[in-house]
C-alpha atoms as a PDB file:
ATOM      1  CA  MET A   1      35.341  -3.957 -66.067  1.00  0.00           C
ATOM      2  CA  LYS A   2      34.282  -4.057 -62.665  1.00  0.00           C
ATOM      3  CA  ASN A   3      31.082  -5.994 -61.358  1.00  0.00           C
ATOM      4  CA  ILE A   4      29.841  -4.239 -58.616  1.00  0.00           C
ATOM      5  CA  LEU A   5      27.052  -6.905 -57.161  1.00  0.00           C
ATOM      6  CA  LEU A   6      24.623  -5.386 -53.936  1.00  0.00           C
ATOM      7  CA  ALA A   7      22.408  -8.528 -52.809  1.00  0.00           C
ATOM      8  CA  CYS A   8      19.526  -8.135 -50.609  1.00  0.00           C
ATOM      9  CA  ASN A   9      15.965  -9.262 -49.533  1.00  0.00           C
ATOM     10  CA  ALA A  10      13.672  -8.152 -52.129  1.00  0.00           C
ATOM     11  CA  GLY A  11      15.014  -5.043 -54.550  1.00  0.00           C
ATOM     12  CA  MET A  12      13.037  -2.356 -54.063  1.00  0.00           C
ATOM     13  CA  SER A  13      15.286   0.416 -51.916  1.00  0.00           C
ATOM     14  CA  THR A  14      18.750  -1.525 -53.371  1.00  0.00           C
ATOM     15  CA  SER A  15      17.501  -0.473 -57.096  1.00  0.00           C
ATOM     16  CA  LEU A  16      17.147   3.136 -56.090  1.00  0.00           C
ATOM     17  CA  LEU A  17      21.004   2.519 -54.576  1.00  0.00           C
ATOM     18  CA  VAL A  18      21.728   1.125 -57.786  1.00  0.00           C
ATOM     19  CA  GLN A  19      20.781   4.052 -59.374  1.00  0.00           C
ATOM     20  CA  LYS A  20      23.014   6.295 -57.420  1.00  0.00           C
ATOM     21  CA  MET A  21      25.798   3.661 -57.757  1.00  0.00           C
ATOM     22  CA  GLN A  22      25.748   4.074 -61.251  1.00  0.00           C
ATOM     23  CA  ALA A  23      25.145   8.114 -61.400  1.00  0.00           C
ATOM     24  CA  GLU A  24      28.344   8.559 -60.072  1.00  0.00           C
ATOM     25  CA  ALA A  25      30.291   5.494 -61.563  1.00  0.00           C
ATOM     26  CA  LYS A  26      29.145   7.565 -64.846  1.00  0.00           C
ATOM     27  CA  GLY A  27      30.365  11.149 -63.364  1.00  0.00           C
ATOM     28  CA  GLN A  28      33.397  10.147 -62.056  1.00  0.00           C
ATOM     29  CA  GLY A  29      34.054   8.033 -65.435  1.00  0.00           C
ATOM     30  CA  LEU A  30      34.779   4.048 -64.006  1.00  0.00           C
ATOM     31  CA  ASP A  31      33.854   1.333 -65.942  1.00  0.00           C
ATOM     32  CA  VAL A  32      31.773  -0.861 -63.642  1.00  0.00           C
ATOM     33  CA  SER A  33      28.710  -2.815 -64.232  1.00  0.00           C
ATOM     34  CA  ILE A  34      26.562  -3.258 -60.820  1.00  0.00           C
ATOM     35  CA  ALA A  35      23.537  -4.954 -60.268  1.00  0.00           C
ATOM     36  CA  ALA A  36      21.337  -5.800 -57.038  1.00  0.00           C
ATOM     37  CA  TYR A  37      19.276  -8.844 -56.948  1.00  0.00           C
ATOM     38  CA  PRO A  38      17.501 -10.819 -54.000  1.00  0.00           C
ATOM     39  CA  LEU A  39      19.715 -12.777 -52.469  1.00  0.00           C
ATOM     40  CA  ASN A  40      18.437 -16.512 -54.113  1.00  0.00           C
ATOM     41  CA  LYS A  41      19.394 -14.135 -58.021  1.00  0.00           C
ATOM     42  CA  ALA A  42      22.195 -13.373 -55.887  1.00  0.00           C
ATOM     43  CA  LEU A  43      23.293 -16.864 -54.973  1.00  0.00           C
ATOM     44  CA  GLU A  44      23.272 -17.694 -58.962  1.00  0.00           C
ATOM     45  CA  HIS A  45      25.245 -14.437 -60.286  1.00  0.00           C
ATOM     46  CA  VAL A  46      28.138 -14.411 -57.627  1.00  0.00           C
ATOM     47  CA  ASP A  47      30.533 -15.883 -59.040  1.00  0.00           C
ATOM     48  CA  THR A  48      31.065 -13.182 -61.779  1.00  0.00           C
ATOM     49  CA  ALA A  49      31.081 -10.314 -58.883  1.00  0.00           C
ATOM     50  CA  ASP A  50      34.194  -8.549 -58.290  1.00  0.00           C
ATOM     51  CA  VAL A  51      33.256  -6.612 -55.159  1.00  0.00           C
ATOM     52  CA  LEU A  52      29.565  -8.050 -53.054  1.00  0.00           C
ATOM     53  CA  LEU A  53      27.459  -5.760 -51.674  1.00  0.00           C
ATOM     54  CA  LEU A  54      25.759  -7.217 -48.544  1.00  0.00           C
ATOM     55  CA  GLY A  55      22.059  -4.989 -47.932  1.00  0.00           C
ATOM     56  CA  PRO A  56      21.718  -5.107 -44.457  1.00  0.00           C
ATOM     57  CA  GLN A  57      18.417  -6.589 -43.765  1.00  0.00           C
ATOM     58  CA  ILE A  58      20.546 -10.033 -45.219  1.00  0.00           C
ATOM     59  CA  ALA A  59      23.775  -9.769 -43.149  1.00  0.00           C
ATOM     60  CA  TYR A  60      22.562 -13.188 -42.188  1.00  0.00           C
ATOM     61  CA  ALA A  61      23.643 -14.363 -45.436  1.00  0.00           C
ATOM     62  CA  LYS A  62      27.490 -13.491 -45.476  1.00  0.00           C
ATOM     63  CA  LYS A  63      28.504 -16.602 -45.009  1.00  0.00           C
ATOM     64  CA  ILE A  64      25.703 -18.433 -46.809  1.00  0.00           C
ATOM     65  CA  LEU A  65      27.200 -15.902 -49.915  1.00  0.00           C
ATOM     66  CA  ALA A  66      31.201 -16.017 -48.799  1.00  0.00           C
ATOM     67  CA  ASP A  67      31.263 -20.704 -49.021  1.00  0.00           C
ATOM     68  CA  ALA A  68      29.255 -20.189 -52.301  1.00  0.00           C
ATOM     69  CA  LEU A  69      32.230 -17.950 -53.598  1.00  0.00           C
ATOM     70  CA  LYS A  70      34.852 -20.222 -51.870  1.00  0.00           C
ATOM     71  CA  LEU A  71      32.921 -23.941 -53.634  1.00  0.00           C
ATOM     72  CA  MET A  72      33.506 -21.929 -56.935  1.00  0.00           C
ATOM     73  CA  ARG A  73      36.766 -20.835 -56.889  1.00  0.00           C
ATOM     74  CA  GLU A  74      38.100 -23.878 -56.049  1.00  0.00           C
END
């Protein structure tokens, strides 16, 4: 199973995106887990993600998340 994590600002519009992604994945028979978290919670879950997507409103946090991933994988 692949884990897809969406990091966002508050989670409102991203939760709608997650629902659509889950429906599409199910329709295609993909074995994925898809979740969305606000940035502070995403940092707690980033180590489990196979794919990490950022909402455009938190593009500034790309380096923060990349650095967190590097530290966790060392």
